[in-house]
Full PDB file with SEQRES, HELIX, SHEET, SSBOND, CRYST1, ORIGX, SCALE, CONECT and MASTER records, all heavy atoms in Angstrom:
SEQRES   1 A   41  TYR ARG GLN ALA PRO GLY LYS GLU ARG GLU GLY VAL SER          
SEQRES   2 A   41  CYS ILE ASN SER SER ASP GLY SER THR TYR TYR ALA ASP          
SEQRES   3 A   41  SER VAL LYS GLY ARG PHE THR ILE SER ARG ASP ASN ALA          
SEQRES   4 A   41  LYS ASN                                                      
HELIX    1 AA1 ASN A   38  LYS A   40  5                                   3    
SHEET    1 AA1 2 SER A  13  ILE A  15  0                                        
SHEET    2 AA1 2 THR A  22  TYR A  24 -1                                        
CRYST1    1.000    1.000    1.000  90.00  90.00  90.00 P 1           1          
ORIGX1      1.000000  0.000000  0.000000        0.00000                         
ORIGX2      0.000000  1.000000  0.000000        0.00000                         
ORIGX3      0.000000  0.000000  1.000000        0.00000                         
SCALE1      1.000000  0.000000  0.000000        0.00000                         
SCALE2      0.000000  1.000000  0.000000        0.00000                         
SCALE3      0.000000  0.000000  1.000000        0.00000                         
ATOM      1  N   TYR A   1       3.861   4.550  -0.273  1.00  0.00           N  
ATOM      2  CA  TYR A   1       5.274   4.295  -0.104  1.00  0.00           C  
ATOM      3  C   TYR A   1       5.699   4.924   1.208  1.00  0.00           C  
ATOM      4  O   TYR A   1       4.958   5.739   1.766  1.00  0.00           O  
ATOM      5  CB  TYR A   1       6.072   4.933  -1.243  1.00  0.00           C  
ATOM      6  CG  TYR A   1       6.174   4.089  -2.508  1.00  0.00           C  
ATOM      7  CD1 TYR A   1       5.063   3.825  -3.290  1.00  0.00           C  
ATOM      8  CD2 TYR A   1       7.410   3.644  -2.925  1.00  0.00           C  
ATOM      9  CE1 TYR A   1       5.187   3.086  -4.457  1.00  0.00           C  
ATOM     10  CE2 TYR A   1       7.525   2.903  -4.121  1.00  0.00           C  
ATOM     11  CZ  TYR A   1       6.433   2.639  -4.858  1.00  0.00           C  
ATOM     12  OH  TYR A   1       6.531   1.910  -6.027  1.00  0.00           O  
ATOM     13  N   ARG A   2       6.871   4.576   1.654  1.00  0.00           N  
ATOM     14  CA  ARG A   2       7.445   5.200   2.837  1.00  0.00           C  
ATOM     15  C   ARG A   2       8.943   5.345   2.697  1.00  0.00           C  
ATOM     16  O   ARG A   2       9.589   4.563   1.992  1.00  0.00           O  
ATOM     17  CB  ARG A   2       7.095   4.455   4.132  1.00  0.00           C  
ATOM     18  CG  ARG A   2       7.731   3.115   4.276  1.00  0.00           C  
ATOM     19  CD  ARG A   2       7.223   2.411   5.501  1.00  0.00           C  
ATOM     20  NE  ARG A   2       7.832   1.081   5.699  1.00  0.00           N  
ATOM     21  CZ  ARG A   2       7.437   0.191   6.623  1.00  0.00           C  
ATOM     22  NH1 ARG A   2       6.457   0.530   7.489  1.00  0.00           N  
ATOM     23  NH2 ARG A   2       8.049  -0.974   6.718  1.00  0.00           N  
ATOM     24  N   GLN A   3       9.488   6.324   3.409  1.00  0.00           N  
ATOM     25  CA  GLN A   3      10.928   6.532   3.383  1.00  0.00           C  
ATOM     26  C   GLN A   3      11.391   6.884   4.757  1.00  0.00           C  
ATOM     27  O   GLN A   3      10.980   7.920   5.310  1.00  0.00           O  
ATOM     28  CB  GLN A   3      11.320   7.642   2.388  1.00  0.00           C  
ATOM     29  CG  GLN A   3      12.811   7.747   2.203  1.00  0.00           C  
ATOM     30  CD  GLN A   3      13.154   8.604   0.979  1.00  0.00           C  
ATOM     31  OE1 GLN A   3      12.333   9.397   0.479  1.00  0.00           O  
ATOM     32  NE2 GLN A   3      14.349   8.452   0.485  1.00  0.00           N  
ATOM     33  N   ALA A   4      12.248   6.033   5.294  1.00  0.00           N  
ATOM     34  CA  ALA A   4      12.841   6.277   6.626  1.00  0.00           C  
ATOM     35  C   ALA A   4      14.161   6.992   6.435  1.00  0.00           C  
ATOM     36  O   ALA A   4      14.765   6.910   5.336  1.00  0.00           O  
ATOM     37  CB  ALA A   4      13.052   4.955   7.360  1.00  0.00           C  
ATOM     38  N   PRO A   5      14.624   7.706   7.467  1.00  0.00           N  
ATOM     39  CA  PRO A   5      15.902   8.420   7.331  1.00  0.00           C  
ATOM     40  C   PRO A   5      17.056   7.487   6.905  1.00  0.00           C  
ATOM     41  O   PRO A   5      17.222   6.407   7.458  1.00  0.00           O  
ATOM     42  CB  PRO A   5      16.123   8.961   8.737  1.00  0.00           C  
ATOM     43  CG  PRO A   5      14.775   9.080   9.307  1.00  0.00           C  
ATOM     44  CD  PRO A   5      14.008   7.940   8.775  1.00  0.00           C  
ATOM     45  N   GLY A   6      17.772   7.901   5.877  1.00  0.00           N  
ATOM     46  CA  GLY A   6      18.915   7.123   5.424  1.00  0.00           C  
ATOM     47  C   GLY A   6      18.552   5.919   4.579  1.00  0.00           C  
ATOM     48  O   GLY A   6      19.483   5.136   4.209  1.00  0.00           O  
ATOM     49  N   LYS A   7      17.285   5.733   4.285  1.00  0.00           N  
ATOM     50  CA  LYS A   7      16.860   4.580   3.498  1.00  0.00           C  
ATOM     51  C   LYS A   7      16.152   5.012   2.218  1.00  0.00           C  
ATOM     52  O   LYS A   7      15.690   6.124   2.109  1.00  0.00           O  
ATOM     53  CB  LYS A   7      15.939   3.680   4.305  1.00  0.00           C  
ATOM     54  CG  LYS A   7      16.626   3.032   5.506  1.00  0.00           C  
ATOM     55  CD  LYS A   7      15.703   2.030   6.165  1.00  0.00           C  
ATOM     56  CE  LYS A   7      16.417   1.320   7.309  1.00  0.00           C  
ATOM     57  NZ  LYS A   7      15.510   0.290   7.962  1.00  0.00           N  
ATOM     58  N   GLU A   8      16.075   4.075   1.276  1.00  0.00           N  
ATOM     59  CA  GLU A   8      15.376   4.362   0.028  1.00  0.00           C  
ATOM     60  C   GLU A   8      13.853   4.303   0.233  1.00  0.00           C  
ATOM     61  O   GLU A   8      13.373   3.637   1.153  1.00  0.00           O  
ATOM     62  CB  GLU A   8      15.780   3.357  -1.034  1.00  0.00           C  
ATOM     63  CG  GLU A   8      17.238   3.486  -1.501  1.00  0.00           C  
ATOM     64  CD  GLU A   8      17.530   2.555  -2.679  1.00  0.00           C  
ATOM     65  OE1 GLU A   8      16.654   1.770  -3.061  1.00  0.00           O  
ATOM     66  OE2 GLU A   8      18.656   2.622  -3.193  1.00  0.00           O  
ATOM     67  N   ARG A   9      13.165   4.994  -0.620  1.00  0.00           N  
ATOM     68  CA  ARG A   9      11.709   4.936  -0.599  1.00  0.00           C  
ATOM     69  C   ARG A   9      11.261   3.536  -0.994  1.00  0.00           C  
ATOM     70  O   ARG A   9      11.782   2.951  -1.980  1.00  0.00           O  
ATOM     71  CB  ARG A   9      11.107   5.985  -1.539  1.00  0.00           C  
ATOM     72  CG  ARG A   9       9.631   6.204  -1.366  1.00  0.00           C  
ATOM     73  CD  ARG A   9       9.116   7.344  -2.227  1.00  0.00           C  
ATOM     74  NE  ARG A   9       9.701   8.612  -1.826  1.00  0.00           N  
ATOM     75  CZ  ARG A   9       9.264   9.808  -2.297  1.00  0.00           C  
ATOM     76  NH1 ARG A   9       8.251   9.816  -3.157  1.00  0.00           N  
ATOM     77  NH2 ARG A   9       9.832  10.916  -1.914  1.00  0.00           N  
ATOM     78  N   GLU A  10      10.331   2.957  -0.227  1.00  0.00           N  
ATOM     79  CA  GLU A  10       9.869   1.594  -0.545  1.00  0.00           C  
ATOM     80  C   GLU A  10       8.370   1.545  -0.620  1.00  0.00           C  
ATOM     81  O   GLU A  10       7.631   2.268   0.088  1.00  0.00           O  
ATOM     82  CB  GLU A  10      10.333   0.629   0.570  1.00  0.00           C  
ATOM     83  CG  GLU A  10       9.765   0.928   1.967  1.00  0.00           C  
ATOM     84  CD  GLU A  10      10.096  -0.184   2.975  1.00  0.00           C  
ATOM     85  OE1 GLU A  10      10.596  -1.230   2.587  1.00  0.00           O  
ATOM     86  OE2 GLU A  10       9.813   0.057   4.150  1.00  0.00           O  
ATOM     87  N   GLY A  11       7.878   0.647  -1.477  1.00  0.00           N  
ATOM     88  CA  GLY A  11       6.447   0.457  -1.599  1.00  0.00           C  
ATOM     89  C   GLY A  11       5.898  -0.299  -0.404  1.00  0.00           C  
ATOM     90  O   GLY A  11       6.440  -1.360  -0.034  1.00  0.00           O  
ATOM     91  N   VAL A  12       4.858   0.214   0.209  1.00  0.00           N  
ATOM     92  CA  VAL A  12       4.224  -0.383   1.412  1.00  0.00           C  
ATOM     93  C   VAL A  12       3.014  -1.196   1.005  1.00  0.00           C  
ATOM     94  O   VAL A  12       2.886  -2.385   1.332  1.00  0.00           O  
ATOM     95  CB  VAL A  12       3.858   0.685   2.422  1.00  0.00           C  
ATOM     96  CG1 VAL A  12       3.105   0.041   3.615  1.00  0.00           C  
ATOM     97  CG2 VAL A  12       5.085   1.432   2.920  1.00  0.00           C  
ATOM     98  N   SER A  13       2.112  -0.555   0.307  1.00  0.00           N  
ATOM     99  CA  SER A  13       0.888  -1.226  -0.110  1.00  0.00           C  
ATOM    100  C   SER A  13       0.258  -0.480  -1.282  1.00  0.00           C  
ATOM    101  O   SER A  13       0.285   0.740  -1.276  1.00  0.00           O  
ATOM    102  CB  SER A  13      -0.111  -1.280   1.067  1.00  0.00           C  
ATOM    103  OG  SER A  13      -1.275  -2.005   0.657  1.00  0.00           O  
ATOM    104  N   CYS A  14      -0.260  -1.216  -2.215  1.00  0.00           N  
ATOM    105  CA  CYS A  14      -0.906  -0.644  -3.393  1.00  0.00           C  
ATOM    106  C   CYS A  14      -2.186  -1.409  -3.704  1.00  0.00           C  
ATOM    107  O   CYS A  14      -2.331  -2.568  -3.341  1.00  0.00           O  
ATOM    108  CB  CYS A  14       0.024  -0.646  -4.610  1.00  0.00           C  
ATOM    109  SG  CYS A  14       1.501   0.397  -4.376  1.00  0.00           S  
ATOM    110  N   ILE A  15      -3.106  -0.721  -4.376  1.00  0.00           N  
ATOM    111  CA  ILE A  15      -4.398  -1.335  -4.694  1.00  0.00           C  
ATOM    112  C   ILE A  15      -4.776  -0.980  -6.131  1.00  0.00           C  
ATOM    113  O   ILE A  15      -4.702   0.181  -6.551  1.00  0.00           O  
ATOM    114  CB  ILE A  15      -5.464  -0.885  -3.686  1.00  0.00           C  
ATOM    115  CG1 ILE A  15      -6.801  -1.571  -3.981  1.00  0.00           C  
ATOM    116  CG2 ILE A  15      -5.637   0.650  -3.669  1.00  0.00           C  
ATOM    117  CD1 ILE A  15      -7.824  -1.401  -2.861  1.00  0.00           C  
ATOM    118  N   ASN A  16      -5.193  -2.004  -6.824  1.00  0.00           N  
ATOM    119  CA  ASN A  16      -5.641  -1.834  -8.181  1.00  0.00           C  
ATOM    120  C   ASN A  16      -7.081  -1.349  -8.153  1.00  0.00           C  
ATOM    121  O   ASN A  16      -7.734  -1.381  -7.107  1.00  0.00           O  
ATOM    122  CB  ASN A  16      -5.573  -3.173  -8.932  1.00  0.00           C  
ATOM    123  CG  ASN A  16      -5.340  -2.958 -10.412  1.00  0.00           C  
ATOM    124  OD1 ASN A  16      -5.689  -1.921 -10.948  1.00  0.00           O  
ATOM    125  ND2 ASN A  16      -4.810  -3.951 -11.080  1.00  0.00           N  
ATOM    126  N   SER A  17      -7.587  -0.898  -9.288  1.00  0.00           N  
ATOM    127  CA  SER A  17      -8.949  -0.441  -9.323  1.00  0.00           C  
ATOM    128  C   SER A  17      -9.878  -1.419  -9.988  1.00  0.00           C  
ATOM    129  O   SER A  17     -11.007  -1.647  -9.545  1.00  0.00           O  
ATOM    130  CB  SER A  17      -9.018   0.931 -10.023  1.00  0.00           C  
ATOM    131  OG  SER A  17     -10.355   1.373 -10.048  1.00  0.00           O  
ATOM    132  N   SER A  18      -9.422  -2.044 -11.059  1.00  0.00           N  
ATOM    133  CA  SER A  18     -10.295  -2.862 -11.871  1.00  0.00           C  
ATOM    134  C   SER A  18     -10.822  -4.064 -11.103  1.00  0.00           C  
ATOM    135  O   SER A  18     -11.998  -4.419 -11.211  1.00  0.00           O  
ATOM    136  CB  SER A  18      -9.566  -3.347 -13.125  1.00  0.00           C  
ATOM    137  OG  SER A  18      -8.383  -4.053 -12.740  1.00  0.00           O  
ATOM    138  N   ASP A  19      -9.957  -4.700 -10.275  1.00  0.00           N  
ATOM    139  CA  ASP A  19     -10.391  -5.897  -9.546  1.00  0.00           C  
ATOM    140  C   ASP A  19     -10.153  -5.820  -8.046  1.00  0.00           C  
ATOM    141  O   ASP A  19     -10.404  -6.786  -7.337  1.00  0.00           O  
ATOM    142  CB  ASP A  19      -9.672  -7.124 -10.100  1.00  0.00           C  
ATOM    143  CG  ASP A  19      -8.157  -7.035 -10.003  1.00  0.00           C  
ATOM    144  OD1 ASP A  19      -7.666  -6.039  -9.424  1.00  0.00           O  
ATOM    145  OD2 ASP A  19      -7.469  -7.952 -10.488  1.00  0.00           O  
ATOM    146  N   GLY A  20      -9.663  -4.664  -7.574  1.00  0.00           N  
ATOM    147  CA  GLY A  20      -9.446  -4.482  -6.151  1.00  0.00           C  
ATOM    148  C   GLY A  20      -8.264  -5.284  -5.606  1.00  0.00           C  
ATOM    149  O   GLY A  20      -8.118  -5.386  -4.389  1.00  0.00           O  
ATOM    150  N   SER A  21      -7.432  -5.820  -6.485  1.00  0.00           N  
ATOM    151  CA  SER A  21      -6.301  -6.607  -5.999  1.00  0.00           C  
ATOM    152  C   SER A  21      -5.329  -5.686  -5.278  1.00  0.00           C  
ATOM    153  O   SER A  21      -5.218  -4.498  -5.562  1.00  0.00           O  
ATOM    154  CB  SER A  21      -5.621  -7.314  -7.164  1.00  0.00           C  
ATOM    155  OG  SER A  21      -5.179  -6.379  -8.138  1.00  0.00           O  
ATOM    156  N   THR A  22      -4.617  -6.289  -4.340  1.00  0.00           N  
ATOM    157  CA  THR A  22      -3.722  -5.512  -3.486  1.00  0.00           C  
ATOM    158  C   THR A  22      -2.341  -6.140  -3.429  1.00  0.00           C  
ATOM    159  O   THR A  22      -2.154  -7.326  -3.731  1.00  0.00           O  
ATOM    160  CB  THR A  22      -4.281  -5.420  -2.056  1.00  0.00           C  
ATOM    161  OG1 THR A  22      -4.463  -6.752  -1.538  1.00  0.00           O  
ATOM    162  CG2 THR A  22      -5.612  -4.681  -2.016  1.00  0.00           C  
ATOM    163  N   TYR A  23      -1.391  -5.329  -3.010  1.00  0.00           N  
ATOM    164  CA  TYR A  23      -0.038  -5.757  -2.746  1.00  0.00           C  
ATOM    165  C   TYR A  23       0.378  -5.179  -1.399  1.00  0.00           C  
ATOM    166  O   TYR A  23       0.068  -4.047  -1.060  1.00  0.00           O  
ATOM    167  CB  TYR A  23       0.913  -5.241  -3.821  1.00  0.00           C  
ATOM    168  CG  TYR A  23       2.368  -5.366  -3.448  1.00  0.00           C  
ATOM    169  CD1 TYR A  23       3.090  -6.517  -3.778  1.00  0.00           C  
ATOM    170  CD2 TYR A  23       3.043  -4.358  -2.772  1.00  0.00           C  
ATOM    171  CE1 TYR A  23       4.416  -6.645  -3.421  1.00  0.00           C  
ATOM    172  CE2 TYR A  23       4.375  -4.482  -2.396  1.00  0.00           C  
ATOM    173  CZ  TYR A  23       5.055  -5.630  -2.744  1.00  0.00           C  
ATOM    174  OH  TYR A  23       6.392  -5.776  -2.391  1.00  0.00           O  
ATOM    175  N   TYR A  24       1.077  -6.006  -0.610  1.00  0.00           N  
ATOM    176  CA  TYR A  24       1.646  -5.573   0.678  1.00  0.00           C  
ATOM    177  C   TYR A  24       3.110  -5.997   0.742  1.00  0.00           C  
ATOM    178  O   TYR A  24       3.467  -7.115   0.375  1.00  0.00           O  
ATOM    179  CB  TYR A  24       0.895  -6.178   1.838  1.00  0.00           C  
ATOM    180  CG  TYR A  24      -0.529  -5.729   1.983  1.00  0.00           C  
ATOM    181  CD1 TYR A  24      -1.605  -6.455   1.452  1.00  0.00           C  
ATOM    182  CD2 TYR A  24      -0.827  -4.563   2.684  1.00  0.00           C  
ATOM    183  CE1 TYR A  24      -2.891  -6.039   1.597  1.00  0.00           C  
ATOM    184  CE2 TYR A  24      -2.142  -4.117   2.841  1.00  0.00           C  
ATOM    185  CZ  TYR A  24      -3.159  -4.853   2.246  1.00  0.00           C  
ATOM    186  OH  TYR A  24      -4.461  -4.430   2.413  1.00  0.00           O  
ATOM    187  N   ALA A  25       3.903  -5.072   1.217  1.00  0.00           N  
ATOM    188  CA  ALA A  25       5.301  -5.469   1.526  1.00  0.00           C  
ATOM    189  C   ALA A  25       5.279  -6.504   2.638  1.00  0.00           C  
ATOM    190  O   ALA A  25       4.403  -6.492   3.535  1.00  0.00           O  
ATOM    191  CB  ALA A  25       6.074  -4.260   1.961  1.00  0.00           C  
ATOM    192  N   ASP A  26       6.245  -7.415   2.625  1.00  0.00           N  
ATOM    193  CA  ASP A  26       6.265  -8.482   3.660  1.00  0.00           C  
ATOM    194  C   ASP A  26       6.299  -7.902   5.068  1.00  0.00           C  
ATOM    195  O   ASP A  26       5.716  -8.476   5.999  1.00  0.00           O  
ATOM    196  CB  ASP A  26       7.508  -9.369   3.440  1.00  0.00           C  
ATOM    197  CG  ASP A  26       7.369 -10.265   2.222  1.00  0.00           C  
ATOM    198  OD1 ASP A  26       6.242 -10.459   1.724  1.00  0.00           O  
ATOM    199  OD2 ASP A  26       8.400 -10.773   1.757  1.00  0.00           O  
ATOM    200  N   SER A  27       6.930  -6.766   5.236  1.00  0.00           N  
ATOM    201  CA  SER A  27       7.116  -6.189   6.566  1.00  0.00           C  
ATOM    202  C   SER A  27       5.805  -5.678   7.175  1.00  0.00           C  
ATOM    203  O   SER A  27       5.748  -5.441   8.370  1.00  0.00           O  
ATOM    204  CB  SER A  27       8.139  -5.050   6.509  1.00  0.00           C  
ATOM    205  OG  SER A  27       7.714  -4.066   5.581  1.00  0.00           O  
ATOM    206  N   VAL A  28       4.754  -5.504   6.357  1.00  0.00           N  
ATOM    207  CA  VAL A  28       3.502  -4.974   6.885  1.00  0.00           C  
ATOM    208  C   VAL A  28       2.328  -5.919   6.741  1.00  0.00           C  
ATOM    209  O   VAL A  28       1.218  -5.617   7.179  1.00  0.00           O  
ATOM    210  CB  VAL A  28       3.165  -3.614   6.221  1.00  0.00           C  
ATOM    211  CG1 VAL A  28       4.327  -2.643   6.354  1.00  0.00           C  
ATOM    212  CG2 VAL A  28       2.734  -3.794   4.770  1.00  0.00           C  
ATOM    213  N   LYS A  29       2.546  -7.068   6.107  1.00  0.00           N  
ATOM    214  CA  LYS A  29       1.471  -8.025   5.935  1.00  0.00           C  
ATOM    215  C   LYS A  29       0.858  -8.431   7.267  1.00  0.00           C  
ATOM    216  O   LYS A  29       1.557  -8.711   8.218  1.00  0.00           O  
ATOM    217  CB  LYS A  29       1.959  -9.259   5.205  1.00  0.00           C  
ATOM    218  CG  LYS A  29       2.131  -9.100   3.721  1.00  0.00           C  
ATOM    219  CD  LYS A  29       2.616 -10.351   3.053  1.00  0.00           C  
ATOM    220  CE  LYS A  29       2.821 -10.167   1.575  1.00  0.00           C  
ATOM    221  NZ  LYS A  29       3.359 -11.384   0.909  1.00  0.00           N  
ATOM    222  N   GLY A  30      -0.485  -8.440   7.319  1.00  0.00           N  
ATOM    223  CA  GLY A  30      -1.186  -8.822   8.516  1.00  0.00           C  
ATOM    224  C   GLY A  30      -1.376  -7.664   9.530  1.00  0.00           C  
ATOM    225  O   GLY A  30      -2.115  -7.802  10.479  1.00  0.00           O  
ATOM    226  N   ARG A  31      -0.718  -6.547   9.264  1.00  0.00           N  
ATOM    227  CA  ARG A  31      -0.839  -5.383  10.165  1.00  0.00           C  
ATOM    228  C   ARG A  31      -1.475  -4.179   9.473  1.00  0.00           C  
ATOM    229  O   ARG A  31      -2.176  -3.393  10.100  1.00  0.00           O  
ATOM    230  CB  ARG A  31       0.547  -4.975  10.689  1.00  0.00           C  
ATOM    231  CG  ARG A  31       1.238  -6.102  11.463  1.00  0.00           C  
ATOM    232  CD  ARG A  31       2.538  -5.550  12.133  1.00  0.00           C  
ATOM    233  NE  ARG A  31       3.505  -5.092  11.153  1.00  0.00           N  
ATOM    234  CZ  ARG A  31       3.981  -3.840  11.133  1.00  0.00           C  
ATOM    235  NH1 ARG A  31       3.585  -2.947  12.017  1.00  0.00           N  
ATOM    236  NH2 ARG A  31       4.888  -3.468  10.232  1.00  0.00           N  
ATOM    237  N   PHE A  32      -1.201  -4.011   8.188  1.00  0.00           N  
ATOM    238  CA  PHE A  32      -1.715  -2.852   7.449  1.00  0.00           C  
ATOM    239  C   PHE A  32      -2.816  -3.312   6.477  1.00  0.00           C  
ATOM    240  O   PHE A  32      -2.758  -4.454   5.944  1.00  0.00           O  
ATOM    241  CB  PHE A  32      -0.610  -2.197   6.638  1.00  0.00           C  
ATOM    242  CG  PHE A  32       0.424  -1.464   7.439  1.00  0.00           C  
ATOM    243  CD1 PHE A  32       0.522  -1.591   8.833  1.00  0.00           C  
ATOM    244  CD2 PHE A  32       1.375  -0.649   6.801  1.00  0.00           C  
ATOM    245  CE1 PHE A  32       1.484  -0.915   9.553  1.00  0.00           C  
ATOM    246  CE2 PHE A  32       2.351   0.023   7.511  1.00  0.00           C  
ATOM    247  CZ  PHE A  32       2.402  -0.109   8.870  1.00  0.00           C  
ATOM    248  N   THR A  33      -3.770  -2.448   6.240  1.00  0.00           N  
ATOM    249  CA  THR A  33      -4.853  -2.707   5.282  1.00  0.00           C  
ATOM    250  C   THR A  33      -5.091  -1.520   4.415  1.00  0.00           C  
ATOM    251  O   THR A  33      -5.299  -0.382   4.917  1.00  0.00           O  
ATOM    252  CB  THR A  33      -6.136  -3.097   6.012  1.00  0.00           C  
ATOM    253  OG1 THR A  33      -5.924  -4.226   6.848  1.00  0.00           O  
ATOM    254  CG2 THR A  33      -7.220  -3.434   4.988  1.00  0.00           C  
ATOM    255  N   ILE A  34      -5.042  -1.694   3.110  1.00  0.00           N  
ATOM    256  CA  ILE A  34      -5.279  -0.625   2.184  1.00  0.00           C  
ATOM    257  C   ILE A  34      -6.696  -0.721   1.664  1.00  0.00           C  
ATOM    258  O   ILE A  34      -7.228  -1.851   1.469  1.00  0.00           O  
ATOM    259  CB  ILE A  34      -4.270  -0.656   1.000  1.00  0.00           C  
ATOM    260  CG1 ILE A  34      -4.350   0.646   0.180  1.00  0.00           C  
ATOM    261  CG2 ILE A  34      -4.442  -1.889   0.153  1.00  0.00           C  
ATOM    262  CD1 ILE A  34      -3.223   0.789  -0.835  1.00  0.00           C  
ATOM    263  N   SER A  35      -7.319   0.424   1.421  1.00  0.00           N  
ATOM    264  CA  SER A  35      -8.661   0.449   0.824  1.00  0.00           C  
ATOM    265  C   SER A  35      -8.811   1.736   0.050  1.00  0.00           C  
ATOM    266  O   SER A  35      -8.012   2.662   0.187  1.00  0.00           O  
ATOM    267  CB  SER A  35      -9.752   0.321   1.922  1.00  0.00           C  
ATOM    268  OG  SER A  35      -9.650   1.420   2.836  1.00  0.00           O  
ATOM    269  N   ARG A  36      -9.866   1.783  -0.765  1.00  0.00           N  
ATOM    270  CA  ARG A  36     -10.092   3.008  -1.539  1.00  0.00           C  
ATOM    271  C   ARG A  36     -11.596   3.247  -1.651  1.00  0.00           C  
ATOM    272  O   ARG A  36     -12.388   2.322  -1.602  1.00  0.00           O  
ATOM    273  CB  ARG A  36      -9.451   2.912  -2.898  1.00  0.00           C  
ATOM    274  CG  ARG A  36      -9.984   1.836  -3.813  1.00  0.00           C  
ATOM    275  CD  ARG A  36      -9.151   1.731  -5.088  1.00  0.00           C  
ATOM    276  NE  ARG A  36      -9.208   2.906  -5.921  1.00  0.00           N  
ATOM    277  CZ  ARG A  36      -8.367   3.166  -6.918  1.00  0.00           C  
ATOM    278  NH1 ARG A  36      -7.377   2.327  -7.184  1.00  0.00           N  
ATOM    279  NH2 ARG A  36      -8.494   4.263  -7.673  1.00  0.00           N  
ATOM    280  N   ASP A  37     -11.940   4.527  -1.784  1.00  0.00           N  
ATOM    281  CA  ASP A  37     -13.299   4.939  -1.975  1.00  0.00           C  
ATOM    282  C   ASP A  37     -13.320   5.761  -3.254  1.00  0.00           C  
ATOM    283  O   ASP A  37     -12.951   6.941  -3.241  1.00  0.00           O  
ATOM    284  CB  ASP A  37     -13.814   5.761  -0.804  1.00  0.00           C  
ATOM    285  CG  ASP A  37     -15.261   6.147  -0.882  1.00  0.00           C  
ATOM    286  OD1 ASP A  37     -15.789   6.140  -2.012  1.00  0.00           O  
ATOM    287  OD2 ASP A  37     -15.861   6.459   0.149  1.00  0.00           O  
ATOM    288  N   ASN A  38     -13.737   5.174  -4.336  1.00  0.00           N  
ATOM    289  CA  ASN A  38     -13.667   5.859  -5.647  1.00  0.00           C  
ATOM    290  C   ASN A  38     -14.627   7.051  -5.677  1.00  0.00           C  
ATOM    291  O   ASN A  38     -14.362   8.017  -6.364  1.00  0.00           O  
ATOM    292  CB  ASN A  38     -13.974   4.881  -6.769  1.00  0.00           C  
ATOM    293  CG  ASN A  38     -12.803   3.929  -7.060  1.00  0.00           C  
ATOM    294  OD1 ASN A  38     -11.680   4.179  -6.636  1.00  0.00           O  
ATOM    295  ND2 ASN A  38     -13.113   2.827  -7.704  1.00  0.00           N  
ATOM    296  N   ALA A  39     -15.735   6.954  -4.948  1.00  0.00           N  
ATOM    297  CA  ALA A  39     -16.661   8.073  -4.923  1.00  0.00           C  
ATOM    298  C   ALA A  39     -16.030   9.339  -4.338  1.00  0.00           C  
ATOM    299  O   ALA A  39     -16.395  10.432  -4.695  1.00  0.00           O  
ATOM    300  CB  ALA A  39     -17.906   7.680  -4.144  1.00  0.00           C  
ATOM    301  N   LYS A  40     -15.048   9.085  -3.437  1.00  0.00           N  
ATOM    302  CA  LYS A  40     -14.367  10.218  -2.800  1.00  0.00           C  
ATOM    303  C   LYS A  40     -12.953  10.437  -3.375  1.00  0.00           C  
ATOM    304  O   LYS A  40     -12.260  11.331  -2.902  1.00  0.00           O  
ATOM    305  CB  LYS A  40     -14.240   9.979  -1.274  1.00  0.00           C  
ATOM    306  CG  LYS A  40     -15.579   9.932  -0.555  1.00  0.00           C  
ATOM    307  CD  LYS A  40     -15.403   9.703   0.931  1.00  0.00           C  
ATOM    308  CE  LYS A  40     -16.728   9.728   1.656  1.00  0.00           C  
ATOM    309  NZ  LYS A  40     -16.574   9.535   3.120  1.00  0.00           N  
ATOM    310  N   ASN A  41     -12.606   9.601  -4.364  1.00  0.00           N  
ATOM    311  CA  ASN A  41     -11.272   9.758  -4.978  1.00  0.00           C  
ATOM    312  C   ASN A  41     -10.183   9.682  -3.914  1.00  0.00           C  
ATOM    313  O   ASN A  41      -9.222  10.466  -3.939  1.00  0.00           O  
ATOM    314  CB  ASN A  41     -11.161  11.066  -5.747  1.00  0.00           C  
ATOM    315  CG  ASN A  41     -10.547  10.911  -7.111  1.00  0.00           C  
ATOM    316  OD1 ASN A  41     -10.475   9.824  -7.690  1.00  0.00           O  
ATOM    317  ND2 ASN A  41     -10.035  12.009  -7.681  1.00  0.00           N  
TER     318      ASN A  41                                                      
MASTER        0    0    0    1    2    0    0    6  317    1    0    4          
END                                                                             
């Protein structure tokens, strides 16, 4: 998530574990990439 001054906290990108599915806010699609390494938590 992120929070800019004077604004509400908003979800930027999230990733599921079971199938690796992802979500991106429209404002960051194509620019941000989320990933996870379960071995490193």
